């Protein structure tokens, strides 16, 4: 049973790690857009932004619905990253429970 379960948990952890990176890239890109460091008219930037926003915005918008207004400060990516870290920890604990 460990032959199937442990690699499955490892794949799940890899997906969560990639999603964590995508959230960080999306946050950094919003800062770069805001300070006019990068421009949306660049095709490569637009492709990366569209990918990141399509992967993160559904969860971020749901988190924003629950958070109170912070006066222009968006802490929803922080909450999303905390949820990803929590899920990574849960998967680690489950993997160690199956192995050990």
PDB file of N, CA and C in Angstrom:
ATOM      1  N   UNK A   1       0.813  -1.199   0.000  1.00  0.00           N
ATOM      2  CA  UNK A   1       0.000   0.000   0.000  1.00  0.00           C
ATOM      3  C   UNK A   1       0.856   1.262   0.000  1.00  0.00           C
ATOM      4  N   UNK A   2       2.016   1.212   0.688  1.00  0.00           N
ATOM      5  CA  UNK A   2       2.902   2.375   0.732  1.00  0.00           C
ATOM      6  C   UNK A   2       3.479   2.683  -0.637  1.00  0.00           C
ATOM      7  N   UNK A   3       3.543   1.688  -1.491  1.00  0.00           N
ATOM      8  CA  UNK A   3       4.117   1.866  -2.821  1.00  0.00           C
ATOM      9  C   UNK A   3       3.265   2.828  -3.648  1.00  0.00           C
ATOM     10  N   UNK A   4       1.975   2.879  -3.379  1.00  0.00           N
ATOM     11  CA  UNK A   4       1.074   3.753  -4.126  1.00  0.00           C
ATOM     12  C   UNK A   4       0.816   5.054  -3.373  1.00  0.00           C
ATOM     13  N   UNK A   5       0.635   4.975  -2.073  1.00  0.00           N
ATOM     14  CA  UNK A   5       0.221   6.131  -1.287  1.00  0.00           C
ATOM     15  C   UNK A   5       1.325   7.171  -1.170  1.00  0.00           C
ATOM     16  N   UNK A   6       2.547   6.761  -0.869  1.00  0.00           N
ATOM     17  CA  UNK A   6       3.644   7.717  -0.662  1.00  0.00           C
ATOM     18  C   UNK A   6       3.929   8.518  -1.930  1.00  0.00           C
ATOM     19  N   UNK A   7       4.053   7.893  -3.112  1.00  0.00           N
ATOM     20  CA  UNK A   7       4.243   8.713  -4.321  1.00  0.00           C
ATOM     21  C   UNK A   7       3.060   9.641  -4.606  1.00  0.00           C
ATOM     22  N   UNK A   8       1.861   9.192  -4.257  1.00  0.00           N
ATOM     23  CA  UNK A   8       0.691  10.054  -4.430  1.00  0.00           C
ATOM     24  C   UNK A   8       0.803  11.296  -3.548  1.00  0.00           C
ATOM     25  N   UNK A   9       1.221  11.116  -2.308  1.00  0.00           N
ATOM     26  CA  UNK A   9       1.432  12.261  -1.414  1.00  0.00           C
ATOM     27  C   UNK A   9       2.558  13.155  -1.926  1.00  0.00           C
ATOM     28  N   UNK A  10       3.601  12.565  -2.491  1.00  0.00           N
ATOM     29  CA  UNK A  10       4.705  13.358  -3.024  1.00  0.00           C
ATOM     30  C   UNK A  10       4.257  14.193  -4.225  1.00  0.00           C
ATOM     31  N   UNK A  11       3.418  13.643  -5.064  1.00  0.00           N
ATOM     32  CA  UNK A  11       2.875  14.398  -6.191  1.00  0.00           C
ATOM     33  C   UNK A  11       2.003  15.537  -5.686  1.00  0.00           C
ATOM     34  N   UNK A  12       1.197  15.257  -4.675  1.00  0.00           N
ATOM     35  CA  UNK A  12       0.348  16.294  -4.087  1.00  0.00           C
ATOM     36  C   UNK A  12       1.190  17.415  -3.483  1.00  0.00           C
ATOM     37  N   UNK A  13       2.280  17.064  -2.816  1.00  0.00           N
ATOM     38  CA  UNK A  13       3.183  18.077  -2.272  1.00  0.00           C
ATOM     39  C   UNK A  13       3.842  18.890  -3.378  1.00  0.00           C
ATOM     40  N   UNK A  14       4.206  18.245  -4.470  1.00  0.00           N
ATOM     41  CA  UNK A  14       4.797  18.970  -5.594  1.00  0.00           C
ATOM     42  C   UNK A  14       3.797  19.953  -6.197  1.00  0.00           C
ATOM     43  N   UNK A  15       2.549  19.551  -6.316  1.00  0.00           N
ATOM     44  CA  UNK A  15       1.508  20.441  -6.838  1.00  0.00           C
ATOM     45  C   UNK A  15       1.318  21.631  -5.904  1.00  0.00           C
ATOM     46  N   UNK A  16       1.298  21.384  -4.602  1.00  0.00           N
ATOM     47  CA  UNK A  16       1.157  22.480  -3.644  1.00  0.00           C
ATOM     48  C   UNK A  16       2.361  23.420  -3.689  1.00  0.00           C
ATOM     49  N   UNK A  17       3.558  22.881  -3.888  1.00  0.00           N
ATOM     50  CA  UNK A  17       4.750  23.729  -4.004  1.00  0.00           C
ATOM     51  C   UNK A  17       4.689  24.602  -5.256  1.00  0.00           C
ATOM     52  N   UNK A  18       4.243  24.027  -6.360  1.00  0.00           N
ATOM     53  CA  UNK A  18       4.110  24.805  -7.595  1.00  0.00           C
ATOM     54  C   UNK A  18       3.052  25.890  -7.429  1.00  0.00           C
ATOM     55  N   UNK A  19       1.943  25.554  -6.775  1.00  0.00           N
ATOM     56  CA  UNK A  19       0.893  26.549  -6.558  1.00  0.00           C
ATOM     57  C   UNK A  19       1.383  27.678  -5.651  1.00  0.00           C
ATOM     58  N   UNK A  20       2.181  27.334  -4.658  1.00  0.00           N
ATOM     59  CA  UNK A  20       2.776  28.350  -3.789  1.00  0.00           C
ATOM     60  C   UNK A  20       3.629  29.315  -4.612  1.00  0.00           C
ATOM     61  N   UNK A  21       4.420  28.788  -5.516  1.00  0.00           N
ATOM     62  CA  UNK A  21       5.248  29.619  -6.385  1.00  0.00           C
ATOM     63  C   UNK A  21       4.388  30.499  -7.286  1.00  0.00           C
ATOM     64  N   UNK A  22       3.300  29.973  -7.804  1.00  0.00           N
ATOM     65  CA  UNK A  22       2.412  30.740  -8.676  1.00  0.00           C
ATOM     66  C   UNK A  22       1.788  31.905  -7.911  1.00  0.00           C
ATOM     67  N   UNK A  23       1.393  31.676  -6.669  1.00  0.00           N
ATOM     68  CA  UNK A  23       0.826  32.761  -5.851  1.00  0.00           C
ATOM     69  C   UNK A  23       1.869  33.850  -5.631  1.00  0.00           C
ATOM     70  N   UNK A  24       3.092  33.475  -5.318  1.00  0.00           N
ATOM     71  CA  UNK A  24       4.155  34.463  -5.094  1.00  0.00           C
ATOM     72  C   UNK A  24       4.428  35.248  -6.375  1.00  0.00           C
ATOM     73  N   UNK A  25       4.473  34.569  -7.517  1.00  0.00           N
ATOM     74  CA  UNK A  25       4.705  35.249  -8.792  1.00  0.00           C
ATOM     75  C   UNK A  25       3.569  36.226  -9.083  1.00  0.00           C
ATOM     76  N   UNK A  26       2.342  35.835  -8.815  1.00  0.00           N
ATOM     77  CA  UNK A  26       1.200  36.722  -9.053  1.00  0.00           C
ATOM     78  C   UNK A  26       1.284  37.966  -8.176  1.00  0.00           C
ATOM     79  N   UNK A  27       1.675  37.808  -6.926  1.00  0.00           N
ATOM     80  CA  UNK A  27       1.792  38.958  -6.025  1.00  0.00           C
ATOM     81  C   UNK A  27       2.902  39.891  -6.497  1.00  0.00           C
ATOM     82  N   UNK A  28       4.039  39.334  -6.850  1.00  0.00           N
ATOM     83  CA  UNK A  28       5.160  40.164  -7.310  1.00  0.00           C
ATOM     84  C   UNK A  28       4.789  40.883  -8.605  1.00  0.00           C
ATOM     85  N   UNK A  29       4.075  40.200  -9.493  1.00  0.00           N
ATOM     86  CA  UNK A  29       3.675  40.849 -10.741  1.00  0.00           C
ATOM     87  C   UNK A  29       2.710  42.003 -10.492  1.00  0.00           C
ATOM     88  N   UNK A  30       1.810  41.880  -9.524  1.00  0.00           N
ATOM     89  CA  UNK A  30       0.915  43.005  -9.232  1.00  0.00           C
ATOM     90  C   UNK A  30       1.708  44.205  -8.730  1.00  0.00           C
ATOM     91  N   UNK A  31       2.734  43.957  -7.932  1.00  0.00           N
ATOM     92  CA  UNK A  31       3.587  45.061  -7.475  1.00  0.00           C
ATOM     93  C   UNK A  31       4.310  45.694  -8.657  1.00  0.00           C
ATOM     94  N   UNK A  32       4.838  44.852  -9.540  1.00  0.00           N
ATOM     95  CA  UNK A  32       5.572  45.377 -10.687  1.00  0.00           C
ATOM     96  C   UNK A  32       4.664  46.150 -11.635  1.00  0.00           C
ATOM     97  N   UNK A  33       3.417  45.706 -11.791  1.00  0.00           N
ATOM     98  CA  UNK A  33       2.448  46.479 -12.580  1.00  0.00           C
ATOM     99  C   UNK A  33       2.173  47.822 -11.920  1.00  0.00           C
ATOM    100  N   UNK A  34       1.988  47.790 -10.622  1.00  0.00           N
ATOM    101  CA  UNK A  34       1.640  49.011  -9.885  1.00  0.00           C
ATOM    102  C   UNK A  34       2.741  50.069  -9.974  1.00  0.00           C
ATOM    103  N   UNK A  35       3.990  49.648  -9.931  1.00  0.00           N
ATOM    104  CA  UNK A  35       5.107  50.591  -9.971  1.00  0.00           C
ATOM    105  C   UNK A  35       5.654  50.788 -11.391  1.00  0.00           C
ATOM    106  N   UNK A  36       4.902  50.343 -12.399  1.00  0.00           N
ATOM    107  CA  UNK A  36       5.251  50.510 -13.815  1.00  0.00           C
ATOM    108  C   UNK A  36       6.625  49.954 -14.172  1.00  0.00           C
ATOM    109  N   UNK A  37       6.999  48.854 -13.553  1.00  0.00           N
ATOM    110  CA  UNK A  37       8.250  48.194 -13.896  1.00  0.00           C
ATOM    111  C   UNK A  37       8.040  47.300 -15.112  1.00  0.00           C
ATOM    112  N   UNK A  38       6.902  46.609 -15.146  1.00  0.00           N
ATOM    113  CA  UNK A  38       6.541  45.810 -16.317  1.00  0.00           C
ATOM    114  C   UNK A  38       5.232  46.338 -16.871  1.00  0.00           C
ATOM    115  N   UNK A  39       4.993  46.031 -18.139  1.00  0.00           N
ATOM    116  CA  UNK A  39       3.826  46.549 -18.823  1.00  0.00           C
ATOM    117  C   UNK A  39       2.989  45.382 -19.335  1.00  0.00           C
ATOM    118  N   UNK A  40       1.691  45.525 -19.216  1.00  0.00           N
ATOM    119  CA  UNK A  40       0.781  44.466 -19.640  1.00  0.00           C
ATOM    120  C   UNK A  40       0.770  44.300 -21.153  1.00  0.00           C
ATOM    121  N   UNK A  41       1.228  45.292 -21.902  1.00  0.00           N
ATOM    122  CA  UNK A  41       1.205  45.189 -23.360  1.00  0.00           C
ATOM    123  C   UNK A  41       2.265  44.234 -23.898  1.00  0.00           C
ATOM    124  N   UNK A  42       3.251  43.877 -23.090  1.00  0.00           N
ATOM    125  CA  UNK A  42       4.243  42.886 -23.488  1.00  0.00           C
ATOM    126  C   UNK A  42       3.568  41.513 -23.530  1.00  0.00           C
ATOM    127  N   UNK A  43       3.743  40.796 -24.642  1.00  0.00           N
ATOM    128  CA  UNK A  43       3.031  39.529 -24.826  1.00  0.00           C
ATOM    129  C   UNK A  43       3.458  38.476 -23.804  1.00  0.00           C
ATOM    130  N   UNK A  44       4.744  38.363 -23.509  1.00  0.00           N
ATOM    131  CA  UNK A  44       5.221  37.378 -22.534  1.00  0.00           C
ATOM    132  C   UNK A  44       4.666  37.678 -21.144  1.00  0.00           C
ATOM    133  N   UNK A  45       4.690  38.953 -20.768  1.00  0.00           N
ATOM    134  CA  UNK A  45       4.151  39.359 -19.463  1.00  0.00           C
ATOM    135  C   UNK A  45       2.661  39.049 -19.398  1.00  0.00           C
ATOM    136  N   UNK A  46       1.950  39.330 -20.480  1.00  0.00           N
ATOM    137  CA  UNK A  46       0.506  39.082 -20.510  1.00  0.00           C
ATOM    138  C   UNK A  46       0.193  37.593 -20.365  1.00  0.00           C
ATOM    139  N   UNK A  47       0.993  36.729 -21.011  1.00  0.00           N
ATOM    140  CA  UNK A  47       0.773  35.281 -20.918  1.00  0.00           C
ATOM    141  C   UNK A  47       0.995  34.801 -19.486  1.00  0.00           C
ATOM    142  N   UNK A  48       2.095  35.231 -18.878  1.00  0.00           N
ATOM    143  CA  UNK A  48       2.393  34.827 -17.497  1.00  0.00           C
ATOM    144  C   UNK A  48       1.319  35.358 -16.551  1.00  0.00           C
ATOM    145  N   UNK A  49       0.916  36.618 -16.725  1.00  0.00           N
ATOM    146  CA  UNK A  49      -0.095  37.209 -15.847  1.00  0.00           C
ATOM    147  C   UNK A  49      -1.434  36.490 -15.995  1.00  0.00           C
ATOM    148  N   UNK A  50      -1.835  36.208 -17.230  1.00  0.00           N
ATOM    149  CA  UNK A  50      -3.114  35.516 -17.435  1.00  0.00           C
ATOM    150  C   UNK A  50      -3.103  34.139 -16.789  1.00  0.00           C
ATOM    151  N   UNK A  51      -2.002  33.410 -16.929  1.00  0.00           N
ATOM    152  CA  UNK A  51      -1.895  32.095 -16.312  1.00  0.00           C
ATOM    153  C   UNK A  51      -1.971  32.194 -14.784  1.00  0.00           C
ATOM    154  N   UNK A  52      -1.180  33.099 -14.220  1.00  0.00           N
ATOM    155  CA  UNK A  52      -1.168  33.242 -12.752  1.00  0.00           C
ATOM    156  C   UNK A  52      -2.522  33.690 -12.233  1.00  0.00           C
ATOM    157  N   UNK A  53      -3.137  34.643 -12.912  1.00  0.00           N
ATOM    158  CA  UNK A  53      -4.407  35.153 -12.404  1.00  0.00           C
ATOM    159  C   UNK A  53      -5.530  34.124 -12.547  1.00  0.00           C
ATOM    160  N   UNK A  54      -5.509  33.331 -13.618  1.00  0.00           N
ATOM    161  CA  UNK A  54      -6.537  32.290 -13.768  1.00  0.00           C
ATOM    162  C   UNK A  54      -6.389  31.188 -12.732  1.00  0.00           C
ATOM    163  N   UNK A  55      -5.162  30.948 -12.271  1.00  0.00           N
ATOM    164  CA  UNK A  55      -4.948  29.910 -11.266  1.00  0.00           C
ATOM    165  C   UNK A  55      -5.155  30.394  -9.840  1.00  0.00           C
ATOM    166  N   UNK A  56      -4.972  31.682  -9.590  1.00  0.00           N
ATOM    167  CA  UNK A  56      -5.062  32.171  -8.216  1.00  0.00           C
ATOM    168  C   UNK A  56      -6.346  32.940  -7.921  1.00  0.00           C
ATOM    169  N   UNK A  57      -6.873  33.623  -8.903  1.00  0.00           N
ATOM    170  CA  UNK A  57      -8.000  34.527  -8.649  1.00  0.00           C
ATOM    171  C   UNK A  57      -9.263  33.841  -8.129  1.00  0.00           C
ATOM    172  N   UNK A  58      -9.619  32.638  -8.573  1.00  0.00           N
ATOM    173  CA  UNK A  58     -10.823  32.011  -7.999  1.00  0.00           C
ATOM    174  C   UNK A  58     -10.744  31.833  -6.477  1.00  0.00           C
ATOM    175  N   UNK A  59      -9.594  31.393  -5.983  1.00  0.00           N
ATOM    176  CA  UNK A  59      -9.459  31.224  -4.532  1.00  0.00           C
ATOM    177  C   UNK A  59      -9.295  32.563  -3.822  1.00  0.00           C
ATOM    178  N   UNK A  60      -8.547  33.471  -4.432  1.00  0.00           N
ATOM    179  CA  UNK A  60      -8.345  34.779  -3.801  1.00  0.00           C
ATOM    180  C   UNK A  60      -9.655  35.556  -3.691  1.00  0.00           C
ATOM    181  N   UNK A  61     -10.515  35.467  -4.696  1.00  0.00           N
ATOM    182  CA  UNK A  61     -11.790  36.192  -4.634  1.00  0.00           C
ATOM    183  C   UNK A  61     -12.690  35.626  -3.540  1.00  0.00           C
ATOM    184  N   UNK A  62     -12.657  34.316  -3.340  1.00  0.00           N
ATOM    185  CA  UNK A  62     -13.449  33.723  -2.248  1.00  0.00           C
ATOM    186  C   UNK A  62     -12.911  34.146  -0.886  1.00  0.00           C
ATOM    187  N   UNK A  63     -11.594  34.225  -0.771  1.00  0.00           N
ATOM    188  CA  UNK A  63     -10.998  34.669   0.494  1.00  0.00           C
ATOM    189  C   UNK A  63     -11.331  36.129   0.744  1.00  0.00           C
ATOM    190  N   UNK A  64     -11.302  36.953  -0.304  1.00  0.00           N
ATOM    191  CA  UNK A  64     -11.635  38.383  -0.150  1.00  0.00           C
ATOM    192  C   UNK A  64     -13.065  38.590   0.323  1.00  0.00           C
ATOM    193  N   UNK A  65     -13.968  37.672  -0.038  1.00  0.00           N
ATOM    194  CA  UNK A  65     -15.358  37.792   0.409  1.00  0.00           C
ATOM    195  C   UNK A  65     -15.479  37.662   1.925  1.00  0.00           C
ATOM    196  N   UNK A  66     -14.571  36.902   2.548  1.00  0.00           N
ATOM    197  CA  UNK A  66     -14.635  36.689   3.988  1.00  0.00           C
ATOM    198  C   UNK A  66     -13.837  37.707   4.791  1.00  0.00           C
ATOM    199  N   UNK A  67     -12.847  38.331   4.167  1.00  0.00           N
ATOM    200  CA  UNK A  67     -11.992  39.267   4.891  1.00  0.00           C
ATOM    201  C   UNK A  67     -12.644  40.640   4.971  1.00  0.00           C
ATOM    202  N   UNK A  68     -12.459  41.322   6.089  1.00  0.00           N
ATOM    203  CA  UNK A  68     -12.971  42.696   6.170  1.00  0.00           C
ATOM    204  C   UNK A  68     -12.114  43.636   5.330  1.00  0.00           C
ATOM    205  N   UNK A  69     -12.663  44.775   4.990  1.00  0.00           N
ATOM    206  CA  UNK A  69     -11.923  45.766   4.215  1.00  0.00           C
ATOM    207  C   UNK A  69     -10.773  46.318   5.048  1.00  0.00           C
ATOM    208  N   UNK A  70      -9.579  46.321   4.454  1.00  0.00           N
ATOM    209  CA  UNK A  70      -8.380  46.759   5.177  1.00  0.00           C
ATOM    210  C   UNK A  70      -7.877  48.102   4.662  1.00  0.00           C
ATOM    211  N   UNK A  71      -8.718  48.863   3.975  1.00  0.00           N
ATOM    212  CA  UNK A  71      -8.321  50.170   3.500  1.00  0.00           C
ATOM    213  C   UNK A  71      -7.325  50.130   2.362  1.00  0.00           C
ATOM    214  N   UNK A  72      -7.541  49.265   1.392  1.00  0.00           N
ATOM    215  CA  UNK A  72      -6.658  49.199   0.236  1.00  0.00           C
ATOM    216  C   UNK A  72      -5.547  48.182   0.350  1.00  0.00           C
ATOM    217  N   UNK A  73      -5.418  47.528   1.480  1.00  0.00           N
ATOM    218  CA  UNK A  73      -4.391  46.504   1.650  1.00  0.00           C
ATOM    219  C   UNK A  73      -5.047  45.139   1.453  1.00  0.00           C
ATOM    220  N   UNK A  74      -4.512  44.373   0.522  1.00  0.00           N
ATOM    221  CA  UNK A  74      -5.065  43.064   0.210  1.00  0.00           C
ATOM    222  C   UNK A  74      -4.206  41.987   0.869  1.00  0.00           C
ATOM    223  N   UNK A  75      -4.750  41.361   1.896  1.00  0.00           N
ATOM    224  CA  UNK A  75      -4.002  40.309   2.588  1.00  0.00           C
ATOM    225  C   UNK A  75      -4.477  38.911   2.180  1.00  0.00           C
ATOM    226  N   UNK A  76      -5.323  38.849   1.159  1.00  0.00           N
ATOM    227  CA  UNK A  76      -5.821  37.538   0.728  1.00  0.00           C
ATOM    228  C   UNK A  76      -4.712  36.610   0.229  1.00  0.00           C
ATOM    229  N   UNK A  77      -3.654  37.102  -0.447  1.00  0.00           N
ATOM    230  CA  UNK A  77      -2.577  36.168  -0.812  1.00  0.00           C
ATOM    231  C   UNK A  77      -1.868  35.578   0.405  1.00  0.00           C
ATOM    232  N   UNK A  78      -1.759  36.352   1.472  1.00  0.00           N
ATOM    233  CA  UNK A  78      -1.137  35.831   2.693  1.00  0.00           C
ATOM    234  C   UNK A  78      -1.992  34.712   3.275  1.00  0.00           C
ATOM    235  N   UNK A  79      -3.301  34.925   3.299  1.00  0.00           N
ATOM    236  CA  UNK A  79      -4.209  33.897   3.808  1.00  0.00           C
ATOM    237  C   UNK A  79      -4.141  32.654   2.924  1.00  0.00           C
ATOM    238  N   UNK A  80      -4.081  32.856   1.603  1.00  0.00           N
ATOM    239  CA  UNK A  80      -3.991  31.719   0.690  1.00  0.00           C
ATOM    240  C   UNK A  80      -2.683  30.950   0.893  1.00  0.00           C
ATOM    241  N   UNK A  81      -1.585  31.666   1.062  1.00  0.00           N
ATOM    242  CA  UNK A  81      -0.309  30.986   1.317  1.00  0.00           C
ATOM    243  C   UNK A  81      -0.336  30.238   2.644  1.00  0.00           C
ATOM    244  N   UNK A  82      -0.969  30.800   3.654  1.00  0.00           N
ATOM    245  CA  UNK A  82      -1.097  30.093   4.932  1.00  0.00           C
ATOM    246  C   UNK A  82      -1.913  28.813   4.771  1.00  0.00           C
ATOM    247  N   UNK A  83      -2.954  28.866   3.956  1.00  0.00           N
ATOM    248  CA  UNK A  83      -3.742  27.659   3.691  1.00  0.00           C
ATOM    249  C   UNK A  83      -2.921  26.609   2.938  1.00  0.00           C
ATOM    250  N   UNK A  84      -2.109  27.053   1.990  1.00  0.00           N
ATOM    251  CA  UNK A  84      -1.247  26.115   1.260  1.00  0.00           C
ATOM    252  C   UNK A  84      -0.233  25.491   2.205  1.00  0.00           C
ATOM    253  N   UNK A  85       0.371  26.306   3.092  1.00  0.00           N
ATOM    254  CA  UNK A  85       1.326  25.772   4.069  1.00  0.00           C
ATOM    255  C   UNK A  85       0.648  24.771   4.997  1.00  0.00           C
ATOM    256  N   UNK A  86      -0.588  25.060   5.399  1.00  0.00           N
ATOM    257  CA  UNK A  86      -1.337  24.143   6.252  1.00  0.00           C
ATOM    258  C   UNK A  86      -1.571  22.814   5.529  1.00  0.00           C
ATOM    259  N   UNK A  87      -1.986  22.895   4.263  1.00  0.00           N
ATOM    260  CA  UNK A  87      -2.225  21.666   3.495  1.00  0.00           C
ATOM    261  C   UNK A  87      -0.935  20.876   3.294  1.00  0.00           C
ATOM    262  N   UNK A  88       0.175  21.565   3.078  1.00  0.00           N
ATOM    263  CA  UNK A  88       1.454  20.871   2.945  1.00  0.00           C
ATOM    264  C   UNK A  88       1.801  20.126   4.231  1.00  0.00           C
ATOM    265  N   UNK A  89       1.552  20.768   5.362  1.00  0.00           N
ATOM    266  CA  UNK A  89       1.823  20.135   6.649  1.00  0.00           C
ATOM    267  C   UNK A  89       0.918  18.922   6.860  1.00  0.00           C
ATOM    268  N   UNK A  90      -0.333  19.031   6.495  1.00  0.00           N
ATOM    269  CA  UNK A  90      -1.265  17.908   6.630  1.00  0.00           C
ATOM    270  C   UNK A  90      -0.814  16.741   5.765  1.00  0.00           C
ATOM    271  N   UNK A  91      -0.406  17.024   4.535  1.00  0.00           N
ATOM    272  CA  UNK A  91       0.048  15.952   3.643  1.00  0.00           C
ATOM    273  C   UNK A  91       1.317  15.306   4.191  1.00  0.00           C
ATOM    274  N   UNK A  92       2.237  16.120   4.727  1.00  0.00           N
ATOM    275  CA  UNK A  92       3.446  15.554   5.341  1.00  0.00           C
ATOM    276  C   UNK A  92       3.089  14.625   6.497  1.00  0.00           C
ATOM    277  N   UNK A  93       2.196  15.071   7.357  1.00  0.00           N
ATOM    278  CA  UNK A  93       1.813  14.252   8.512  1.00  0.00           C
ATOM    279  C   UNK A  93       1.148  12.953   8.071  1.00  0.00           C
ATOM    280  N   UNK A  94       0.291  13.035   7.062  1.00  0.00           N
ATOM    281  CA  UNK A  94      -0.367  11.823   6.573  1.00  0.00           C
ATOM    282  C   UNK A  94       0.639  10.868   5.930  1.00  0.00           C
ATOM    283  N   UNK A  95       1.612  11.427   5.219  1.00  0.00           N
ATOM    284  CA  UNK A  95       2.621  10.591   4.583  1.00  0.00           C
ATOM    285  C   UNK A  95       3.465   9.878   5.638  1.00  0.00           C
ATOM    286  N   UNK A  96       3.858  10.597   6.689  1.00  0.00           N
ATOM    287  CA  UNK A  96       4.646   9.965   7.752  1.00  0.00           C
ATOM    288  C   UNK A  96       3.830   8.929   8.524  1.00  0.00           C
ATOM    289  N   UNK A  97       2.541   9.157   8.616  1.00  0.00           N
ATOM    290  CA  UNK A  97       1.687   8.174   9.300  1.00  0.00           C
ATOM    291  C   UNK A  97       1.603   6.873   8.498  1.00  0.00           C
ATOM    292  N   UNK A  98       1.542   6.981   7.175  1.00  0.00           N
ATOM    293  CA  UNK A  98       1.493   5.783   6.347  1.00  0.00           C
ATOM    294  C   UNK A  98       2.836   5.076   6.291  1.00  0.00           C
ATOM    295  N   UNK A  99       3.925   5.837   6.313  1.00  0.00           N
ATOM    296  CA  UNK A  99       5.262   5.236   6.205  1.00  0.00           C
ATOM    297  C   UNK A  99       5.667   4.616   7.536  1.00  0.00           C
ATOM    298  N   UNK A 100       5.493   5.371   8.600  1.00  0.00           N
ATOM    299  CA  UNK A 100       6.008   4.929   9.899  1.00  0.00           C
ATOM    300  C   UNK A 100       4.993   4.232  10.672  1.00  0.00           C
TER     301      UNK A 100
END
